[in-house]
Amino acid sequence: MVISPETFQSLASLPPDRFERGFVFGEERPFAQCHAATLVLRRDGAMLVAFFAGSYEGHDDVAIWIAERPAVEGISARVAGAPARFGAPRIAAKVAPVAHWNPVLYSLGVEADAPEEIALQWKVGRSIRRWTTWRARSRDGGNTFVDPAPLVAGDRSGGRGAVRSKPIRLASGDWLAGASRETRWRWDAFFDRSPDGIGGWVASAPIERDRAHFRGKGLIQPTLWESAPGRVHALLRTTDGRIHRSDSEDDGRTWSTARAIDVPNNNSALDVARLADGTLALACNPVPGNWAPRTPLSLLFSRDEGASWPWRIDVETGPGEFSYPALIASGDGLALCYTWNRRRIAYLRIPSLAGVLAARSGD
């Protein structure tokens, strides 16, 4: 099907029976603020969403929380804003009496005949510059996370492992995570590589950037996809007013100098997912300007491996903060969660993107 730019407008313009939308929990919650959600689709069709929550970002009481949406048949929510029926949130990790940050969920049991294990990475520490990355794993579908330990023993550099977006398993079998470090004057992104997604992480060199033209501290929080075996690509949050891109031709070991793409970035997080038909989906705030408002929140789509992003759905357009999206492919559609004004975690699922396109085009 040929997609025209007019096909994608706003979520409100889509047929309401073609998507599911709601919140992971209601206004009554055991914490004041929440942020930085992550999600994983379990093999049985259940969805897990994790996030950090507490009094406020950086407070010593902030822990990693998780909620589960059981597997369902078909589309259960027929109108925008209908509840997504997640269970009550519960604490998944609290390993020290200091702030926890930026959880990342991903499934280790990718082979159909292997037991499914869910991995969780997160940051611990009062200062971003001195974060320690921790990891744990679940063998019971996310009900409990066991064997918590630092991802890299002795490391307090602030950035090992997945800093924000999910790692990917490469065609070679290795796992690759987008990582970054933030100091007072400089932000750098790099990549961490593991043979099994749990241990043995080896860091790459930082991504280079054109310092003669780049504005601000730098770039962080890479999100990844692989277009062909050994060819890996990353999009990055930046202080330069636009998303930047870097590419690897050697299975993620070395990377090209970052370059700006034609998508604005307000120095806020983004995420990429590859749909079943090869279409790339990008969740972001397409807003120019360093620390510009975190609205609207949009989904952009590419069918040329990210060379262009001509199609767009605006998920949130009103005033407020709608940020830190996490995006995964879900069947032939996608699932998205994001921060909603620091008070709630919003959830969106489009079970069939092709169905949305067909409904919009009248086919």
Protein backbone atom coordinates (compact mmCIF):
# COMPACT_ATOMS: atom_id res chain seq x y z
CA MET A 1 0.00 0.00 0.00
CA VAL A 2 1.28 3.47 -0.89
CA ILE A 3 1.15 5.81 2.10
CA SER A 4 0.59 9.50 1.54
CA PRO A 5 1.69 12.14 4.06
CA GLU A 6 -1.98 13.00 4.60
CA THR A 7 -2.66 9.48 5.91
CA PHE A 8 -1.07 10.36 9.26
CA GLN A 9 -2.53 13.30 11.17
CA SER A 10 -3.47 12.96 14.83
CA LEU A 11 -4.55 10.11 17.04
CA ALA A 12 -7.98 11.72 17.30
CA SER A 13 -8.41 11.31 13.54
CA LEU A 14 -7.89 7.54 13.65
CA PRO A 15 -10.89 5.21 13.91
CA PRO A 16 -11.37 4.58 17.66
CA ASP A 17 -11.83 0.84 17.14
CA ARG A 18 -8.33 0.63 15.67
CA PHE A 19 -6.32 1.42 18.79
CA GLU A 20 -6.28 1.01 22.54
CA ARG A 21 -5.40 3.88 24.85
CA GLY A 22 -5.33 4.40 28.59
CA PHE A 23 -3.14 4.71 31.68
CA VAL A 24 -1.09 2.12 33.49
CA PHE A 25 -2.61 3.26 36.80
CA GLY A 26 -5.12 5.87 37.97
CA GLU A 27 -4.84 9.09 39.91
CA GLU A 28 -4.77 7.18 43.19
CA ARG A 29 -1.24 5.85 43.42
CA PRO A 30 1.35 5.19 46.15
CA PHE A 31 3.78 7.86 44.86
CA ALA A 32 3.60 11.51 43.84
CA GLN A 33 5.59 11.45 40.59
CA CYS A 34 6.67 8.92 37.98
CA HIS A 35 8.82 9.02 34.86
CA ALA A 36 10.87 7.12 32.25
CA ALA A 37 8.66 4.11 31.44
CA THR A 38 9.84 1.01 29.61
CA LEU A 39 7.82 -1.91 28.28
CA VAL A 40 8.25 -5.47 27.08
CA LEU A 41 5.82 -7.86 25.41
CA ARG A 42 5.96 -11.27 27.04
CA ARG A 43 5.80 -14.36 24.85
CA ASP A 44 2.32 -15.20 26.18
CA GLY A 45 1.01 -11.80 25.08
CA ALA A 46 1.12 -10.06 28.46
CA MET A 47 2.64 -6.57 28.62
CA LEU A 48 4.98 -5.37 31.38
CA VAL A 49 5.58 -1.67 32.00
CA ALA A 50 8.23 -0.43 34.45
CA PHE A 51 9.09 3.13 35.50
CA PHE A 52 10.73 5.00 38.36
CA ALA A 53 8.49 6.66 40.94
CA GLY A 54 8.58 8.35 44.33
CA SER A 55 8.25 11.81 45.83
CA TYR A 56 10.03 13.40 42.86
CA GLU A 57 12.88 12.63 40.47
CA GLY A 58 16.14 12.25 42.39
CA HIS A 59 14.56 11.80 45.85
CA ASP A 60 15.99 9.02 47.98
CA ASP A 61 12.62 7.21 48.08
CA VAL A 62 12.45 6.72 44.29
CA ALA A 63 12.28 3.02 43.34
CA ILE A 64 11.67 0.99 40.19
CA TRP A 65 7.99 0.04 39.89
CA ILE A 66 6.27 -2.37 37.51
CA ALA A 67 2.73 -3.18 36.37
CA GLU A 68 1.37 -5.99 34.21
CA ARG A 69 -1.38 -6.10 31.64
CA PRO A 70 -2.52 -9.72 31.12
CA ALA A 71 -2.78 -11.13 27.63
CA VAL A 72 -6.11 -10.43 25.93
CA GLU A 73 -7.74 -11.45 22.68
CA GLY A 74 -8.37 -8.73 20.12
CA ILE A 75 -8.77 -5.05 20.90
CA SER A 76 -10.37 -4.65 24.32
CA ALA A 77 -10.64 -0.85 24.37
CA ARG A 78 -12.93 0.59 21.72
CA VAL A 79 -12.77 4.27 22.57
CA ALA A 80 -9.88 6.65 23.14
CA GLY A 81 -9.01 7.00 26.79
CA ALA A 82 -10.49 3.63 27.81
CA PRO A 83 -8.58 1.89 30.61
CA ALA A 84 -5.90 -0.56 29.54
CA ARG A 85 -6.59 -2.79 32.59
CA PHE A 86 -3.15 -3.07 34.09
CA GLY A 87 -2.77 -4.59 37.53
CA ALA A 88 -1.77 -2.44 40.49
CA PRO A 89 1.83 -1.18 40.31
CA ARG A 90 4.35 -2.77 42.66
CA ILE A 91 8.01 -2.24 43.47
CA ALA A 92 10.32 -4.30 41.25
CA ALA A 93 13.68 -3.04 42.56
CA LYS A 94 15.03 -0.99 45.45
CA VAL A 95 18.63 -1.94 46.23
CA ALA A 96 19.84 1.15 48.12
CA PRO A 97 18.36 4.11 50.05
CA VAL A 98 19.08 6.51 47.17
CA ALA A 99 17.27 7.43 43.97
CA HIS A 100 16.73 4.84 41.25
CA TRP A 101 16.37 5.89 37.60
CA ASN A 102 15.67 4.87 33.99
CA PRO A 103 14.56 1.22 34.04
CA VAL A 104 14.93 -0.80 30.84
CA LEU A 105 13.05 -4.07 30.29
CA TYR A 106 13.86 -6.67 27.61
CA SER A 107 13.24 -10.36 27.02
CA LEU A 108 16.22 -12.74 27.02
CA GLY A 109 14.25 -15.83 25.97
CA VAL A 110 14.00 -15.01 22.30
CA GLU A 111 14.04 -18.60 20.98
CA ALA A 112 10.64 -20.28 20.95
CA ASP A 113 11.97 -23.44 22.63
CA ALA A 114 13.89 -21.59 25.39
CA PRO A 115 12.42 -20.57 28.76
CA GLU A 116 11.61 -16.88 28.69
CA GLU A 117 13.60 -14.65 31.01
CA ILE A 118 12.93 -10.94 31.44
CA ALA A 119 15.94 -8.72 32.13
CA LEU A 120 15.84 -5.36 33.90
CA GLN A 121 18.55 -2.70 33.97
CA TRP A 122 18.39 0.55 35.91
CA LYS A 123 20.53 3.31 37.41
CA VAL A 124 21.23 3.93 41.12
CA GLY A 125 22.70 7.06 42.72
CA ARG A 126 22.06 10.61 43.79
CA SER A 127 24.16 12.09 40.97
CA ILE A 128 23.84 11.19 37.28
CA ARG A 129 27.60 11.60 36.95
CA ARG A 130 28.11 8.86 39.57
CA TRP A 131 25.34 6.47 38.61
CA THR A 132 25.91 2.74 38.99
CA THR A 133 24.00 0.55 36.55
CA TRP A 134 22.28 -2.47 38.10
CA ARG A 135 20.69 -5.50 36.52
CA ALA A 136 18.35 -8.29 37.61
CA ARG A 137 16.40 -11.01 35.88
CA SER A 138 12.99 -12.61 36.20
CA ARG A 139 12.22 -16.27 35.56
CA ASP A 140 8.54 -15.97 36.47
CA GLY A 141 7.31 -13.53 33.86
CA GLY A 142 8.19 -10.37 35.77
CA ASN A 143 6.52 -11.23 39.06
CA THR A 144 9.88 -11.12 40.83
CA PHE A 145 13.33 -9.92 39.79
CA VAL A 146 16.19 -11.84 41.37
CA ASP A 147 19.99 -11.74 41.58
CA PRO A 148 20.30 -7.93 41.51
CA ALA A 149 23.89 -6.84 41.02
CA PRO A 150 25.93 -4.07 39.40
CA LEU A 151 26.06 -4.55 35.64
CA VAL A 152 29.83 -3.92 35.61
CA ALA A 153 31.56 -4.59 38.93
CA GLY A 154 33.11 -1.49 40.48
CA ASP A 155 31.79 0.91 37.86
CA ARG A 156 30.41 4.27 39.00
CA SER A 157 31.02 6.20 35.80
CA GLY A 158 27.36 6.99 35.24
CA GLY A 159 26.58 5.25 32.03
CA ARG A 160 27.27 1.53 31.47
CA GLY A 161 24.62 -0.57 29.81
CA ALA A 162 21.24 0.59 28.56
CA VAL A 163 20.78 4.20 29.63
CA ARG A 164 17.22 4.67 28.41
CA SER A 165 16.13 2.56 25.41
CA LYS A 166 15.98 -1.23 25.08
CA PRO A 167 19.04 -3.20 23.95
CA ILE A 168 18.72 -5.19 20.75
CA ARG A 169 19.91 -8.67 19.92
CA LEU A 170 22.00 -8.53 16.77
CA ALA A 171 21.92 -11.09 13.97
CA SER A 172 25.35 -12.20 15.22
CA GLY A 173 23.75 -13.20 18.54
CA ASP A 174 25.37 -10.48 20.64
CA TRP A 175 23.38 -7.87 22.53
CA LEU A 176 23.95 -4.15 22.00
CA ALA A 177 22.82 -1.39 24.36
CA GLY A 178 22.78 2.35 23.78
CA ALA A 179 24.74 4.01 26.59
CA SER A 180 25.82 7.53 27.53
CA ARG A 181 27.61 9.58 30.17
CA GLU A 182 26.70 13.05 31.40
CA THR A 183 29.21 15.35 33.06
CA ARG A 184 28.79 18.99 33.93
CA TRP A 185 30.23 20.23 30.64
CA ARG A 186 29.94 17.33 28.20
CA TRP A 187 27.55 14.55 27.16
CA ASP A 188 28.85 11.49 25.28
CA ALA A 189 27.09 8.46 23.83
CA PHE A 190 28.62 5.04 23.26
CA PHE A 191 27.53 1.39 23.07
CA ASP A 192 27.85 -1.57 25.40
CA ARG A 193 28.08 -5.10 24.01
CA SER A 194 27.32 -8.41 25.73
CA PRO A 195 27.32 -12.03 24.55
CA ASP A 196 24.18 -12.91 26.51
CA GLY A 197 22.47 -9.64 27.49
CA ILE A 198 23.44 -10.05 31.15
CA GLY A 199 27.22 -10.00 31.65
CA GLY A 200 30.54 -9.50 29.88
CA TRP A 201 29.70 -5.97 28.75
CA VAL A 202 32.36 -4.24 26.63
CA ALA A 203 32.08 -0.51 25.89
CA SER A 204 32.78 1.10 22.53
CA ALA A 205 34.53 4.40 22.01
CA PRO A 206 32.29 7.50 22.27
CA ILE A 207 30.49 8.63 19.11
CA GLU A 208 32.27 11.54 17.47
CA ARG A 209 30.43 14.70 16.52
CA ASP A 210 31.26 17.80 14.48
CA ARG A 211 32.25 20.07 17.35
CA ALA A 212 32.72 23.04 15.03
CA HIS A 213 28.98 23.14 14.35
CA PHE A 214 27.39 21.19 17.19
CA ARG A 215 25.64 23.28 19.85
CA GLY A 216 25.55 22.49 23.53
CA LYS A 217 26.89 19.68 25.70
CA GLY A 218 26.45 16.76 23.34
CA LEU A 219 24.31 13.71 22.64
CA ILE A 220 22.95 10.91 24.81
CA GLN A 221 20.46 8.02 25.04
CA PRO A 222 20.90 6.15 21.73
CA THR A 223 18.07 4.01 20.36
CA LEU A 224 19.00 1.21 17.97
CA TRP A 225 17.93 -0.93 15.04
CA GLU A 226 19.68 -3.35 12.66
CA SER A 227 18.86 -3.07 8.96
CA ALA A 228 20.89 -6.09 7.81
CA PRO A 229 23.31 -8.46 9.54
CA GLY A 230 26.18 -6.33 10.83
CA ARG A 231 24.60 -3.00 9.79
CA VAL A 232 23.41 -1.19 12.89
CA HIS A 233 21.99 2.33 13.28
CA ALA A 234 21.35 4.71 16.16
CA LEU A 235 19.30 7.85 16.69
CA LEU A 236 20.28 10.12 19.56
CA ARG A 237 18.85 12.80 21.82
CA THR A 238 20.93 15.99 21.56
CA THR A 239 21.36 19.56 22.75
CA ASP A 240 21.75 20.65 19.11
CA GLY A 241 18.05 21.11 18.32
CA ARG A 242 17.79 18.07 16.03
CA ILE A 243 18.00 14.30 16.36
CA HIS A 244 21.39 12.96 15.32
CA ARG A 245 22.24 9.64 13.68
CA SER A 246 25.27 7.35 13.69
CA ASP A 247 25.81 4.10 11.75
CA SER A 248 27.97 1.00 12.11
CA GLU A 249 29.04 -1.40 9.36
CA ASP A 250 30.86 -3.83 11.68
CA ASP A 251 28.17 -5.17 14.00
CA GLY A 252 28.20 -2.16 16.31
CA ARG A 253 31.91 -2.13 17.13
CA THR A 254 32.78 1.19 15.48
CA TRP A 255 30.50 4.09 14.57
CA SER A 256 30.35 6.98 12.13
CA THR A 257 30.51 10.60 13.20
CA ALA A 258 27.04 11.68 14.32
CA ARG A 259 25.11 13.86 11.88
CA ALA A 260 21.85 15.76 12.24
CA ILE A 261 18.73 14.41 10.55
CA ASP A 262 15.70 16.40 9.49
CA VAL A 263 13.71 15.78 12.69
CA PRO A 264 13.73 18.39 15.49
CA ASN A 265 14.69 17.38 19.02
CA ASN A 266 14.03 19.33 22.20
CA ASN A 267 16.71 17.53 24.22
CA SER A 268 14.28 14.83 25.32
CA ALA A 269 14.23 11.06 24.94
CA LEU A 270 13.16 9.13 21.85
CA ASP A 271 12.75 5.50 20.85
CA VAL A 272 12.66 3.43 17.65
CA ALA A 273 10.94 0.13 16.83
CA ARG A 274 10.96 -1.93 13.66
CA LEU A 275 7.53 -3.21 12.60
CA ALA A 276 6.89 -6.62 11.05
CA ASP A 277 6.91 -5.23 7.49
CA GLY A 278 10.21 -3.35 7.99
CA THR A 279 8.66 0.05 8.64
CA LEU A 280 10.50 2.04 11.30
CA ALA A 281 8.47 3.84 13.95
CA LEU A 282 10.03 6.71 15.90
CA ALA A 283 8.47 8.13 19.08
CA CYS A 284 9.66 11.61 20.04
CA ASN A 285 8.81 15.24 20.72
CA PRO A 286 9.50 16.76 17.25
CA VAL A 287 10.10 20.21 18.74
CA PRO A 288 13.16 22.38 17.95
CA GLY A 289 15.18 24.05 20.68
CA ASN A 290 17.27 22.87 23.60
CA TRP A 291 14.92 22.18 26.57
CA ALA A 292 11.91 23.24 24.48
CA PRO A 293 8.43 22.08 25.63
CA ARG A 294 7.85 18.32 25.73
CA THR A 295 4.69 18.49 23.66
CA PRO A 296 3.48 17.34 21.20
CA LEU A 297 4.42 13.68 21.47
CA SER A 298 4.39 12.04 18.06
CA LEU A 299 4.97 8.84 16.14
CA LEU A 300 6.95 9.23 12.90
CA PHE A 301 7.33 6.53 10.27
CA SER A 302 10.03 5.67 7.74
CA ARG A 303 10.23 3.09 4.96
CA ASP A 304 13.77 3.92 3.83
CA GLU A 305 15.75 2.85 6.94
CA GLY A 306 15.39 6.23 8.57
CA ALA A 307 16.63 8.37 5.66
CA SER A 308 13.33 10.26 5.85
CA TRP A 309 10.36 10.36 8.23
CA PRO A 310 7.48 11.71 6.11
CA TRP A 311 4.48 10.28 8.01
CA ARG A 312 3.33 11.25 11.47
CA ILE A 313 0.68 10.60 14.12
CA ASP A 314 0.41 13.14 16.93
CA VAL A 315 -0.37 11.19 20.10
CA GLU A 316 -0.54 14.18 22.49
CA THR A 317 -0.92 17.80 21.37
CA GLY A 318 -2.13 19.75 24.40
CA PRO A 319 -0.12 21.72 26.96
CA GLY A 320 1.84 19.70 29.48
CA GLU A 321 4.72 17.23 29.53
CA PHE A 322 4.38 14.09 27.38
CA SER A 323 7.84 12.64 27.23
CA TYR A 324 10.28 9.75 27.47
CA PRO A 325 8.43 7.39 25.11
CA ALA A 326 9.21 3.67 25.01
CA LEU A 327 8.17 1.87 21.84
CA ILE A 328 8.08 -1.80 20.79
CA ALA A 329 6.70 -3.76 17.86
CA SER A 330 3.61 -5.75 18.82
CA GLY A 331 2.49 -8.22 16.19
CA ASP A 332 2.00 -6.20 13.02
CA GLY A 333 1.40 -3.08 15.12
CA LEU A 334 3.11 -1.31 17.97
CA ALA A 335 2.81 -0.46 21.66
CA LEU A 336 3.89 2.79 23.29
CA CYS A 337 4.13 4.10 26.84
CA TYR A 338 5.25 7.53 28.02
CA THR A 339 5.31 10.01 30.89
CA TRP A 340 2.07 11.94 31.28
CA ASN A 341 2.73 15.15 33.24
CA ARG A 342 4.96 13.25 35.69
CA ARG A 343 1.81 11.97 37.40
CA ARG A 344 0.90 8.96 35.31
CA ILE A 345 2.23 6.60 32.66
CA ALA A 346 0.14 6.59 29.49
CA TYR A 347 -0.22 3.52 27.26
CA LEU A 348 -1.14 3.20 23.57
CA ARG A 349 -1.42 0.12 21.40
CA ILE A 350 -2.19 0.00 17.69
CA PRO A 351 -2.68 -3.73 17.06
CA SER A 352 -2.48 -3.41 13.25
CA LEU A 353 -0.92 -0.44 11.55
CA ALA A 354 -2.03 -1.88 8.20
CA GLY A 355 -5.59 -1.87 9.52
CA VAL A 356 -5.33 1.80 10.42
CA LEU A 357 -4.01 2.61 6.95
CA ALA A 358 -6.76 0.61 5.28
CA ALA A 359 -9.43 2.35 7.38
CA ARG A 360 -7.97 5.77 6.56
CA SER A 361 -7.74 5.08 2.84
CA GLY A 362 -11.14 3.41 2.57
CA ASP A 363 -9.69 0.15 1.21
